[in-house]
Structures are given as C-alpha cells and as structure tokens.
Amino acid sequence: MPLDLHVAPSQKKAELKRREMFVDEDLHELVFTKYRVLANGTKYLTRLVDYYGDVSLIGDEVRGLAEDLRLIAATSAEERLSQHLRDIAAVCERAMAEGNNVYFFGD
C-alpha cells in the first residue's frame, strides 16, 4: 500500500478525506538511498524515512517540508524523482495557503 498524502485542518478530518496524492515507493527509496546524504541533512523530510509510518506536519513544518523537497528536487539527476518531489511540494504550498496541515498515512 502506498504512503498517502492528505491535506486537512486536523488529523481527524484528514482521515476522512480522499488522499491528495501518494508517494511513489520506488522514488521514496531512491531519496533515502542515492540521495541519503542530502535527505539526512533535512529537518522535515527525514521524518518520512519510514514508508509505512504516519507523519503529521503542522503549520510551519509544512513549509519546511516543501523547502526540503525542493532542495532534493533541484539536485536530483532523475527527472521523474524531481517532478514527483516538486508535485508533493506544490501540495504542501497549497495546504499552507489554505491554512491546512499535511498528513502522511502509511499502511
């Protein structure tokens, strides 16, 4: 099962909503293997290291994750990975603009 990304003002509401998108498992593995050194240097992206775990990002943490994602996307030689990270960052930025939080639910 994929790592699902939800946007909502609370975890309870996020659990009831459809996912915004999912994190591709192969690309997740690539971030935490090939780009491990960069990923480990981030504050918020490292919280997603467990593909099957749940993570809540509240308030400014959402902005921090978007910044972490854009950093890795800018340094990646794999266009598919860069685009996926930019897509997740865009969801985070939309969530911030709407005053929402971001929740990742693993299975």
PDB file of N, CA and C in Angstrom:
ATOM      1  N   MET A   1       0.844  -1.181   0.000  1.00  0.00           N
ATOM      2  CA  MET A   1       0.000   0.000   0.000  1.00  0.00           C
ATOM      3  C   MET A   1       0.891   1.248   0.000  1.00  0.00           C
ATOM      4  N   PRO A   2       0.451   2.290  -0.666  1.00  0.00           N
ATOM      5  CA  PRO A   2       1.276   3.498  -0.766  1.00  0.00           C
ATOM      6  C   PRO A   2       1.218   4.373   0.480  1.00  0.00           C
ATOM      7  N   LEU A   3       2.191   5.258   0.555  1.00  0.00           N
ATOM      8  CA  LEU A   3       2.219   6.293   1.575  1.00  0.00           C
ATOM      9  C   LEU A   3       1.342   7.428   1.042  1.00  0.00           C
ATOM     10  N   ASP A   4       0.180   7.604   1.661  1.00  0.00           N
ATOM     11  CA  ASP A   4      -0.808   8.566   1.175  1.00  0.00           C
ATOM     12  C   ASP A   4      -0.622   9.933   1.814  1.00  0.00           C
ATOM     13  N   LEU A   5      -0.784  10.973   1.017  1.00  0.00           N
ATOM     14  CA  LEU A   5      -0.667  12.352   1.477  1.00  0.00           C
ATOM     15  C   LEU A   5      -2.073  12.961   1.530  1.00  0.00           C
ATOM     16  N   HIS A   6      -2.431  13.486   2.696  1.00  0.00           N
ATOM     17  CA  HIS A   6      -3.732  14.121   2.902  1.00  0.00           C
ATOM     18  C   HIS A   6      -3.522  15.552   3.377  1.00  0.00           C
ATOM     19  N   VAL A   7      -4.443  16.426   3.027  1.00  0.00           N
ATOM     20  CA  VAL A   7      -4.405  17.826   3.438  1.00  0.00           C
ATOM     21  C   VAL A   7      -5.713  18.139   4.162  1.00  0.00           C
ATOM     22  N   ALA A   8      -5.604  18.670   5.366  1.00  0.00           N
ATOM     23  CA  ALA A   8      -6.794  18.998   6.152  1.00  0.00           C
ATOM     24  C   ALA A   8      -6.375  19.850   7.348  1.00  0.00           C
ATOM     25  N   PRO A   9      -7.349  20.478   8.007  1.00  0.00           N
ATOM     26  CA  PRO A   9      -7.014  21.275   9.190  1.00  0.00           C
ATOM     27  C   PRO A   9      -6.704  20.434  10.425  1.00  0.00           C
ATOM     28  N   SER A  10      -7.116  19.151  10.426  1.00  0.00           N
ATOM     29  CA  SER A  10      -6.839  18.276  11.565  1.00  0.00           C
ATOM     30  C   SER A  10      -6.647  16.844  11.082  1.00  0.00           C
ATOM     31  N   GLN A  11      -6.020  16.034  11.918  1.00  0.00           N
ATOM     32  CA  GLN A  11      -5.792  14.640  11.542  1.00  0.00           C
ATOM     33  C   GLN A  11      -7.115  13.904  11.384  1.00  0.00           C
ATOM     34  N   LYS A  12      -8.041  14.185  12.257  1.00  0.00           N
ATOM     35  CA  LYS A  12      -9.345  13.514  12.186  1.00  0.00           C
ATOM     36  C   LYS A  12     -10.022  13.792  10.837  1.00  0.00           C
ATOM     37  N   LYS A  13      -9.974  15.054  10.401  1.00  0.00           N
ATOM     38  CA  LYS A  13     -10.569  15.396   9.106  1.00  0.00           C
ATOM     39  C   LYS A  13      -9.767  14.799   7.952  1.00  0.00           C
ATOM     40  N   ALA A  14      -8.456  14.727   8.110  1.00  0.00           N
ATOM     41  CA  ALA A  14      -7.604  14.142   7.065  1.00  0.00           C
ATOM     42  C   ALA A  14      -7.933  12.671   6.861  1.00  0.00           C
ATOM     43  N   GLU A  15      -8.212  11.974   7.955  1.00  0.00           N
ATOM     44  CA  GLU A  15      -8.538  10.549   7.866  1.00  0.00           C
ATOM     45  C   GLU A  15      -9.823  10.302   7.099  1.00  0.00           C
ATOM     46  N   LEU A  16     -10.702  11.296   7.059  1.00  0.00           N
ATOM     47  CA  LEU A  16     -11.992  11.157   6.384  1.00  0.00           C
ATOM     48  C   LEU A  16     -11.952  11.588   4.921  1.00  0.00           C
ATOM     49  N   LYS A  17     -10.922  12.314   4.541  1.00  0.00           N
ATOM     50  CA  LYS A  17     -10.811  12.829   3.169  1.00  0.00           C
ATOM     51  C   LYS A  17     -10.075  11.853   2.261  1.00  0.00           C
ATOM     52  N   ARG A  18     -10.319  12.009   0.973  1.00  0.00           N
ATOM     53  CA  ARG A  18      -9.544  11.257  -0.014  1.00  0.00           C
ATOM     54  C   ARG A  18      -8.125  11.800  -0.035  1.00  0.00           C
ATOM     55  N   ARG A  19      -7.197  10.945  -0.391  1.00  0.00           N
ATOM     56  CA  ARG A  19      -5.809  11.395  -0.468  1.00  0.00           C
ATOM     57  C   ARG A  19      -5.646  12.401  -1.597  1.00  0.00           C
ATOM     58  N   GLU A  20      -4.688  13.301  -1.414  1.00  0.00           N
ATOM     59  CA  GLU A  20      -4.328  14.260  -2.454  1.00  0.00           C
ATOM     60  C   GLU A  20      -3.459  13.580  -3.508  1.00  0.00           C
ATOM     61  N   MET A  21      -2.547  12.751  -3.025  1.00  0.00           N
ATOM     62  CA  MET A  21      -1.640  12.005  -3.888  1.00  0.00           C
ATOM     63  C   MET A  21      -0.949  10.963  -3.023  1.00  0.00           C
ATOM     64  N   PHE A  22      -0.133  10.131  -3.635  1.00  0.00           N
ATOM     65  CA  PHE A  22       0.645   9.178  -2.861  1.00  0.00           C
ATOM     66  C   PHE A  22       2.115   9.339  -3.209  1.00  0.00           C
ATOM     67  N   VAL A  23       2.946   8.889  -2.296  1.00  0.00           N
ATOM     68  CA  VAL A  23       4.389   8.931  -2.505  1.00  0.00           C
ATOM     69  C   VAL A  23       4.789   7.611  -3.160  1.00  0.00           C
ATOM     70  N   ASP A  24       5.383   7.692  -4.328  1.00  0.00           N
ATOM     71  CA  ASP A  24       5.821   6.514  -5.060  1.00  0.00           C
ATOM     72  C   ASP A  24       6.890   5.776  -4.253  1.00  0.00           C
ATOM     73  N   GLU A  25       6.699   4.484  -4.022  1.00  0.00           N
ATOM     74  CA  GLU A  25       7.612   3.723  -3.166  1.00  0.00           C
ATOM     75  C   GLU A  25       9.028   3.652  -3.739  1.00  0.00           C
ATOM     76  N   ASP A  26       9.153   3.454  -5.042  1.00  0.00           N
ATOM     77  CA  ASP A  26      10.486   3.396  -5.650  1.00  0.00           C
ATOM     78  C   ASP A  26      11.217   4.730  -5.527  1.00  0.00           C
ATOM     79  N   LEU A  27      10.482   5.823  -5.713  1.00  0.00           N
ATOM     80  CA  LEU A  27      11.108   7.145  -5.601  1.00  0.00           C
ATOM     81  C   LEU A  27      11.444   7.466  -4.150  1.00  0.00           C
ATOM     82  N   HIS A  28      10.603   7.017  -3.225  1.00  0.00           N
ATOM     83  CA  HIS A  28      10.884   7.187  -1.796  1.00  0.00           C
ATOM     84  C   HIS A  28      12.199   6.484  -1.451  1.00  0.00           C
ATOM     85  N   GLU A  29      12.342   5.254  -1.940  1.00  0.00           N
ATOM     86  CA  GLU A  29      13.570   4.501  -1.682  1.00  0.00           C
ATOM     87  C   GLU A  29      14.782   5.211  -2.286  1.00  0.00           C
ATOM     88  N   LEU A  30      14.622   5.765  -3.470  1.00  0.00           N
ATOM     89  CA  LEU A  30      15.718   6.480  -4.124  1.00  0.00           C
ATOM     90  C   LEU A  30      16.164   7.684  -3.295  1.00  0.00           C
ATOM     91  N   VAL A  31      15.211   8.428  -2.755  1.00  0.00           N
ATOM     92  CA  VAL A  31      15.538   9.601  -1.925  1.00  0.00           C
ATOM     93  C   VAL A  31      16.382   9.180  -0.731  1.00  0.00           C
ATOM     94  N   PHE A  32      15.995   8.077  -0.102  1.00  0.00           N
ATOM     95  CA  PHE A  32      16.663   7.682   1.130  1.00  0.00           C
ATOM     96  C   PHE A  32      17.814   6.692   0.909  1.00  0.00           C
ATOM     97  N   THR A  33      18.190   6.462  -0.355  1.00  0.00           N
ATOM     98  CA  THR A  33      19.396   5.679  -0.655  1.00  0.00           C
ATOM     99  C   THR A  33      20.382   6.552  -1.431  1.00  0.00           C
ATOM    100  N   LYS A  34      20.101   6.804  -2.691  1.00  0.00           N
ATOM    101  CA  LYS A  34      21.027   7.576  -3.523  1.00  0.00           C
ATOM    102  C   LYS A  34      21.232   9.003  -3.002  1.00  0.00           C
ATOM    103  N   TYR A  35      20.150   9.618  -2.514  1.00  0.00           N
ATOM    104  CA  TYR A  35      20.228  10.996  -2.019  1.00  0.00           C
ATOM    105  C   TYR A  35      20.195  11.038  -0.487  1.00  0.00           C
ATOM    106  N   ARG A  36      20.639   9.942   0.124  1.00  0.00           N
ATOM    107  CA  ARG A  36      20.619   9.788   1.580  1.00  0.00           C
ATOM    108  C   ARG A  36      21.342  10.922   2.300  1.00  0.00           C
ATOM    109  N   VAL A  37      22.503  11.298   1.823  1.00  0.00           N
ATOM    110  CA  VAL A  37      23.291  12.334   2.494  1.00  0.00           C
ATOM    111  C   VAL A  37      22.516  13.651   2.509  1.00  0.00           C
ATOM    112  N   LEU A  38      21.925  14.015   1.382  1.00  0.00           N
ATOM    113  CA  LEU A  38      21.117  15.243   1.332  1.00  0.00           C
ATOM    114  C   LEU A  38      19.867  15.099   2.187  1.00  0.00           C
ATOM    115  N   ALA A  39      19.177  13.978   2.043  1.00  0.00           N
ATOM    116  CA  ALA A  39      17.931  13.769   2.792  1.00  0.00           C
ATOM    117  C   ALA A  39      18.186  13.784   4.294  1.00  0.00           C
ATOM    118  N   ASN A  40      19.276  13.166   4.725  1.00  0.00           N
ATOM    119  CA  ASN A  40      19.582  13.128   6.155  1.00  0.00           C
ATOM    120  C   ASN A  40      19.929  14.508   6.711  1.00  0.00           C
ATOM    121  N   GLY A  41      20.290  15.428   5.835  1.00  0.00           N
ATOM    122  CA  GLY A  41      20.595  16.789   6.265  1.00  0.00           C
ATOM    123  C   GLY A  41      19.373  17.689   6.358  1.00  0.00           C
ATOM    124  N   THR A  42      18.210  17.144   6.052  1.00  0.00           N
ATOM    125  CA  THR A  42      16.987  17.942   6.111  1.00  0.00           C
ATOM    126  C   THR A  42      16.299  17.741   7.450  1.00  0.00           C
ATOM    127  N   LYS A  43      15.510  18.711   7.824  1.00  0.00           N
ATOM    128  CA  LYS A  43      14.834  18.644   9.118  1.00  0.00           C
ATOM    129  C   LYS A  43      13.498  17.908   9.039  1.00  0.00           C
ATOM    130  N   TYR A  44      12.755  18.119   7.961  1.00  0.00           N
ATOM    131  CA  TYR A  44      11.396  17.579   7.879  1.00  0.00           C
ATOM    132  C   TYR A  44      11.287  16.349   6.991  1.00  0.00           C
ATOM    133  N   LEU A  45      12.030  16.300   5.921  1.00  0.00           N
ATOM    134  CA  LEU A  45      11.976  15.152   5.018  1.00  0.00           C
ATOM    135  C   LEU A  45      12.398  13.869   5.727  1.00  0.00           C
ATOM    136  N   THR A  46      13.335  13.960   6.643  1.00  0.00           N
ATOM    137  CA  THR A  46      13.800  12.765   7.360  1.00  0.00           C
ATOM    138  C   THR A  46      12.681  12.120   8.171  1.00  0.00           C
ATOM    139  N   ARG A  47      11.654  12.862   8.482  1.00  0.00           N
ATOM    140  CA  ARG A  47      10.527  12.284   9.218  1.00  0.00           C
ATOM    141  C   ARG A  47       9.744  11.288   8.370  1.00  0.00           C
ATOM    142  N   LEU A  48       9.974  11.299   7.054  1.00  0.00           N
ATOM    143  CA  LEU A  48       9.264  10.399   6.145  1.00  0.00           C
ATOM    144  C   LEU A  48      10.083   9.165   5.786  1.00  0.00           C
ATOM    145  N   VAL A  49      11.157   8.902   6.499  1.00  0.00           N
ATOM    146  CA  VAL A  49      12.049   7.792   6.157  1.00  0.00           C
ATOM    147  C   VAL A  49      11.324   6.439   6.205  1.00  0.00           C
ATOM    148  N   ASP A  50      10.361   6.269   7.095  1.00  0.00           N
ATOM    149  CA  ASP A  50       9.602   5.021   7.191  1.00  0.00           C
ATOM    150  C   ASP A  50       8.409   5.101   6.247  1.00  0.00           C
ATOM    151  N   TYR A  51       8.491   4.382   5.141  1.00  0.00           N
ATOM    152  CA  TYR A  51       7.440   4.430   4.119  1.00  0.00           C
ATOM    153  C   TYR A  51       6.089   3.976   4.670  1.00  0.00           C
ATOM    154  N   TYR A  52       6.089   3.162   5.704  1.00  0.00           N
ATOM    155  CA  TYR A  52       4.840   2.618   6.233  1.00  0.00           C
ATOM    156  C   TYR A  52       4.361   3.323   7.502  1.00  0.00           C
ATOM    157  N   GLY A  53       5.051   4.390   7.901  1.00  0.00           N
ATOM    158  CA  GLY A  53       4.678   5.108   9.112  1.00  0.00           C
ATOM    159  C   GLY A  53       3.770   6.294   8.821  1.00  0.00           C
ATOM    160  N   ASP A  54       3.167   6.815   9.864  1.00  0.00           N
ATOM    161  CA  ASP A  54       2.315   8.002   9.758  1.00  0.00           C
ATOM    162  C   ASP A  54       3.105   9.216  10.237  1.00  0.00           C
ATOM    163  N   VAL A  55       2.922  10.335   9.532  1.00  0.00           N
ATOM    164  CA  VAL A  55       3.613  11.577   9.885  1.00  0.00           C
ATOM    165  C   VAL A  55       2.634  12.730   9.756  1.00  0.00           C
ATOM    166  N   SER A  56       2.614  13.600  10.763  1.00  0.00           N
ATOM    167  CA  SER A  56       1.804  14.822  10.732  1.00  0.00           C
ATOM    168  C   SER A  56       2.731  16.018  10.670  1.00  0.00           C
ATOM    169  N   LEU A  57       2.448  16.940   9.763  1.00  0.00           N
ATOM    170  CA  LEU A  57       3.205  18.188   9.664  1.00  0.00           C
ATOM    171  C   LEU A  57       2.218  19.335   9.861  1.00  0.00           C
ATOM    172  N   ILE A  58       2.498  20.125  10.875  1.00  0.00           N
ATOM    173  CA  ILE A  58       1.575  21.161  11.305  1.00  0.00           C
ATOM    174  C   ILE A  58       2.203  22.532  11.121  1.00  0.00           C
ATOM    175  N   GLY A  59       1.422  23.479  10.599  1.00  0.00           N
ATOM    176  CA  GLY A  59       1.870  24.870  10.496  1.00  0.00           C
ATOM    177  C   GLY A  59       3.149  25.032   9.699  1.00  0.00           C
ATOM    178  N   ASP A  60       4.163  25.652  10.323  1.00  0.00           N
ATOM    179  CA  ASP A  60       5.427  25.942   9.640  1.00  0.00           C
ATOM    180  C   ASP A  60       6.199  24.677   9.241  1.00  0.00           C
ATOM    181  N   GLU A  61       5.868  23.539   9.831  1.00  0.00           N
ATOM    182  CA  GLU A  61       6.516  22.298   9.430  1.00  0.00           C
ATOM    183  C   GLU A  61       6.188  21.974   7.966  1.00  0.00           C
ATOM    184  N   VAL A  62       5.001  22.360   7.525  1.00  0.00           N
ATOM    185  CA  VAL A  62       4.598  22.122   6.132  1.00  0.00           C
ATOM    186  C   VAL A  62       5.508  22.915   5.199  1.00  0.00           C
ATOM    187  N   ARG A  63       5.779  24.160   5.546  1.00  0.00           N
ATOM    188  CA  ARG A  63       6.693  24.995   4.758  1.00  0.00           C
ATOM    189  C   ARG A  63       8.097  24.379   4.741  1.00  0.00           C
ATOM    190  N   GLY A  64       8.527  23.892   5.888  1.00  0.00           N
ATOM    191  CA  GLY A  64       9.848  23.262   5.979  1.00  0.00           C
ATOM    192  C   GLY A  64       9.957  22.036   5.091  1.00  0.00           C
ATOM    193  N   LEU A  65       8.909  21.223   5.058  1.00  0.00           N
ATOM    194  CA  LEU A  65       8.931  20.046   4.192  1.00  0.00           C
ATOM    195  C   LEU A  65       8.989  20.464   2.727  1.00  0.00           C
ATOM    196  N   ALA A  66       8.211  21.460   2.347  1.00  0.00           N
ATOM    197  CA  ALA A  66       8.231  21.936   0.959  1.00  0.00           C
ATOM    198  C   ALA A  66       9.640  22.390   0.572  1.00  0.00           C
ATOM    199  N   GLU A  67      10.310  23.094   1.458  1.00  0.00           N
ATOM    200  CA  GLU A  67      11.677  23.543   1.197  1.00  0.00           C
ATOM    201  C   GLU A  67      12.634  22.366   1.057  1.00  0.00           C
ATOM    202  N   ASP A  68      12.491  21.372   1.955  1.00  0.00           N
ATOM    203  CA  ASP A  68      13.334  20.173   1.880  1.00  0.00           C
ATOM    204  C   ASP A  68      13.130  19.447   0.545  1.00  0.00           C
ATOM    205  N   LEU A  69      11.892  19.317   0.135  1.00  0.00           N
ATOM    206  CA  LEU A  69      11.573  18.617  -1.114  1.00  0.00           C
ATOM    207  C   LEU A  69      12.154  19.343  -2.322  1.00  0.00           C
ATOM    208  N   ARG A  70      12.029  20.651  -2.322  1.00  0.00           N
ATOM    209  CA  ARG A  70      12.559  21.438  -3.448  1.00  0.00           C
ATOM    210  C   ARG A  70      14.089  21.370  -3.498  1.00  0.00           C
ATOM    211  N   LEU A  71      14.723  21.288  -2.351  1.00  0.00           N
ATOM    212  CA  LEU A  71      16.181  21.137  -2.303  1.00  0.00           C
ATOM    213  C   LEU A  71      16.616  19.839  -2.979  1.00  0.00           C
ATOM    214  N   ILE A  72      15.993  18.734  -2.611  1.00  0.00           N
ATOM    215  CA  ILE A  72      16.340  17.445  -3.209  1.00  0.00           C
ATOM    216  C   ILE A  72      15.976  17.444  -4.696  1.00  0.00           C
ATOM    217  N   ALA A  73      14.836  17.998  -5.047  1.00  0.00           N
ATOM    218  CA  ALA A  73      14.410  18.046  -6.453  1.00  0.00           C
ATOM    219  C   ALA A  73      15.415  18.812  -7.307  1.00  0.00           C
ATOM    220  N   ALA A  74      15.964  19.882  -6.759  1.00  0.00           N
ATOM    221  CA  ALA A  74      16.912  20.714  -7.514  1.00  0.00           C
ATOM    222  C   ALA A  74      18.247  20.009  -7.740  1.00  0.00           C
ATOM    223  N   THR A  75      18.581  19.050  -6.882  1.00  0.00           N
ATOM    224  CA  THR A  75      19.876  18.388  -7.003  1.00  0.00           C
ATOM    225  C   THR A  75      19.784  17.016  -7.674  1.00  0.00           C
ATOM    226  N   SER A  76      18.572  16.525  -7.868  1.00  0.00           N
ATOM    227  CA  SER A  76      18.388  15.195  -8.437  1.00  0.00           C
ATOM    228  C   SER A  76      18.673  15.172  -9.933  1.00  0.00           C
ATOM    229  N   ALA A  77      19.352  14.128 -10.367  1.00  0.00           N
ATOM    230  CA  ALA A  77      19.615  13.926 -11.799  1.00  0.00           C
ATOM    231  C   ALA A  77      18.461  13.168 -12.459  1.00  0.00           C
ATOM    232  N   GLU A  78      17.564  12.609 -11.655  1.00  0.00           N
ATOM    233  CA  GLU A  78      16.425  11.847 -12.168  1.00  0.00           C
ATOM    234  C   GLU A  78      15.210  12.763 -12.299  1.00  0.00           C
ATOM    235  N   GLU A  79      14.796  13.044 -13.526  1.00  0.00           N
ATOM    236  CA  GLU A  79      13.683  13.969 -13.747  1.00  0.00           C
ATOM    237  C   GLU A  79      12.386  13.468 -13.124  1.00  0.00           C
ATOM    238  N   ARG A  80      12.143  12.164 -13.187  1.00  0.00           N
ATOM    239  CA  ARG A  80      10.907  11.617 -12.605  1.00  0.00           C
ATOM    240  C   ARG A  80      10.870  11.879 -11.102  1.00  0.00           C
ATOM    241  N   LEU A  81      11.993  11.700 -10.434  1.00  0.00           N
ATOM    242  CA  LEU A  81      12.080  11.972  -9.000  1.00  0.00           C
ATOM    243  C   LEU A  81      11.894  13.451  -8.733  1.00  0.00           C
ATOM    244  N   SER A  82      12.588  14.291  -9.478  1.00  0.00           N
ATOM    245  CA  SER A  82      12.478  15.749  -9.285  1.00  0.00           C
ATOM    246  C   SER A  82      11.039  16.210  -9.436  1.00  0.00           C
ATOM    247  N   GLN A  83      10.350  15.711 -10.460  1.00  0.00           N
ATOM    248  CA  GLN A  83       8.960  16.124 -10.693  1.00  0.00           C
ATOM    249  C   GLN A  83       8.053  15.651  -9.564  1.00  0.00           C
ATOM    250  N   HIS A  84       8.255  14.436  -9.104  1.00  0.00           N
ATOM    251  CA  HIS A  84       7.431  13.904  -8.015  1.00  0.00           C
ATOM    252  C   HIS A  84       7.622  14.741  -6.745  1.00  0.00           C
ATOM    253  N   LEU A  85       8.854  15.093  -6.441  1.00  0.00           N
ATOM    254  CA  LEU A  85       9.124  15.913  -5.258  1.00  0.00           C
ATOM    255  C   LEU A  85       8.533  17.310  -5.405  1.00  0.00           C
ATOM    256  N   ARG A  86       8.626  17.878  -6.603  1.00  0.00           N
ATOM    257  CA  ARG A  86       8.008  19.201  -6.836  1.00  0.00           C
ATOM    258  C   ARG A  86       6.493  19.120  -6.702  1.00  0.00           C
ATOM    259  N   ASP A  87       5.897  18.020  -7.143  1.00  0.00           N
ATOM    260  CA  ASP A  87       4.444  17.846  -7.016  1.00  0.00           C
ATOM    261  C   ASP A  87       4.034  17.787  -5.546  1.00  0.00           C
ATOM    262  N   ILE A  88       4.785  17.060  -4.744  1.00  0.00           N
ATOM    263  CA  ILE A  88       4.483  16.988  -3.309  1.00  0.00           C
ATOM    264  C   ILE A  88       4.672  18.360  -2.670  1.00  0.00           C
ATOM    265  N   ALA A  89       5.739  19.069  -3.047  1.00  0.00           N
ATOM    266  CA  ALA A  89       5.981  20.421  -2.520  1.00  0.00           C
ATOM    267  C   ALA A  89       4.831  21.350  -2.885  1.00  0.00           C
ATOM    268  N   ALA A  90       4.300  21.224  -4.088  1.00  0.00           N
ATOM    269  CA  ALA A  90       3.178  22.070  -4.522  1.00  0.00           C
ATOM    270  C   ALA A  90       1.934  21.794  -3.679  1.00  0.00           C
ATOM    271  N   VAL A  91       1.689  20.541  -3.334  1.00  0.00           N
ATOM    272  CA  VAL A  91       0.558  20.206  -2.457  1.00  0.00           C
ATOM    273  C   VAL A  91       0.776  20.852  -1.091  1.00  0.00           C
ATOM    274  N   CYS A  92       2.010  20.793  -0.581  1.00  0.00           N
ATOM    275  CA  CYS A  92       2.329  21.428   0.705  1.00  0.00           C
ATOM    276  C   CYS A  92       2.089  22.935   0.651  1.00  0.00           C
ATOM    277  N   GLU A  93       2.507  23.552  -0.428  1.00  0.00           N
ATOM    278  CA  GLU A  93       2.336  25.004  -0.563  1.00  0.00           C
ATOM    279  C   GLU A  93       0.864  25.386  -0.662  1.00  0.00           C
ATOM    280  N   ARG A  94       0.081  24.570  -1.350  1.00  0.00           N
ATOM    281  CA  ARG A  94      -1.364  24.824  -1.416  1.00  0.00           C
ATOM    282  C   ARG A  94      -1.993  24.656  -0.035  1.00  0.00           C
ATOM    283  N   ALA A  95      -1.558  23.635   0.693  1.00  0.00           N
ATOM    284  CA  ALA A  95      -2.066  23.410   2.043  1.00  0.00           C
ATOM    285  C   ALA A  95      -1.791  24.622   2.926  1.00  0.00           C
ATOM    286  N   MET A  96      -0.563  25.164   2.838  1.00  0.00           N
ATOM    287  CA  MET A  96      -0.209  26.349   3.636  1.00  0.00           C
ATOM    288  C   MET A  96      -1.101  27.529   3.271  1.00  0.00           C
ATOM    289  N   ALA A  97      -1.303  27.738   1.985  1.00  0.00           N
ATOM    290  CA  ALA A  97      -2.112  28.874   1.520  1.00  0.00           C
ATOM    291  C   ALA A  97      -3.551  28.768   2.020  1.00  0.00           C
ATOM    292  N   GLU A  98      -4.024  27.538   2.189  1.00  0.00           N
ATOM    293  CA  GLU A  98      -5.395  27.309   2.655  1.00  0.00           C
ATOM    294  C   GLU A  98      -5.486  27.178   4.168  1.00  0.00           C
ATOM    295  N   GLY A  99      -4.350  27.286   4.855  1.00  0.00           N
ATOM    296  CA  GLY A  99      -4.338  27.168   6.313  1.00  0.00           C
ATOM    297  C   GLY A  99      -4.497  25.736   6.811  1.00  0.00           C
ATOM    298  N   ASN A 100      -4.108  24.775   5.982  1.00  0.00           N
ATOM    299  CA  ASN A 100      -4.232  23.365   6.350  1.00  0.00           C
ATOM    300  C   ASN A 100      -2.895  22.763   6.737  1.00  0.00           C
ATOM    301  N   ASN A 101      -2.957  21.566   7.259  1.00  0.00           N
ATOM    302  CA  ASN A 101      -1.787  20.786   7.618  1.00  0.00           C
ATOM    303  C   ASN A 101      -1.645  19.641   6.624  1.00  0.00           C
ATOM    304  N   VAL A 102      -0.530  18.930   6.712  1.00  0.00           N
ATOM    305  CA  VAL A 102      -0.268  17.812   5.809  1.00  0.00           C
ATOM    306  C   VAL A 102      -0.063  16.558   6.651  1.00  0.00           C
ATOM    307  N   TYR A 103      -0.717  15.499   6.214  1.00  0.00           N
ATOM    308  CA  TYR A 103      -0.649  14.217   6.915  1.00  0.00           C
ATOM    309  C   TYR A 103      -0.270  13.125   5.921  1.00  0.00           C
ATOM    310  N   PHE A 104       0.667  12.290   6.334  1.00  0.00           N
ATOM    311  CA  PHE A 104       1.058  11.128   5.541  1.00  0.00           C
ATOM    312  C   PHE A 104       0.618   9.897   6.309  1.00  0.00           C
ATOM    313  N   PHE A 105      -0.129   9.044   5.636  1.00  0.00           N
ATOM    314  CA  PHE A 105      -0.599   7.805   6.259  1.00  0.00           C
ATOM    315  C   PHE A 105      -0.020   6.611   5.513  1.00  0.00           C
ATOM    316  N   GLY A 106       0.783   5.822   6.218  1.00  0.00           N
ATOM    317  CA  GLY A 106       1.320   4.590   5.652  1.00  0.00           C
ATOM    318  C   GLY A 106       0.440   3.420   6.034  1.00  0.00           C
ATOM    319  N   ASP A 107       0.644   2.320   5.373  1.00  0.00           N
ATOM    320  CA  ASP A 107      -0.171   1.133   5.702  1.00  0.00           C
ATOM    321  C   ASP A 107       0.693   0.011   6.197  1.00  0.00           C
TER     322      ASP A 107
END
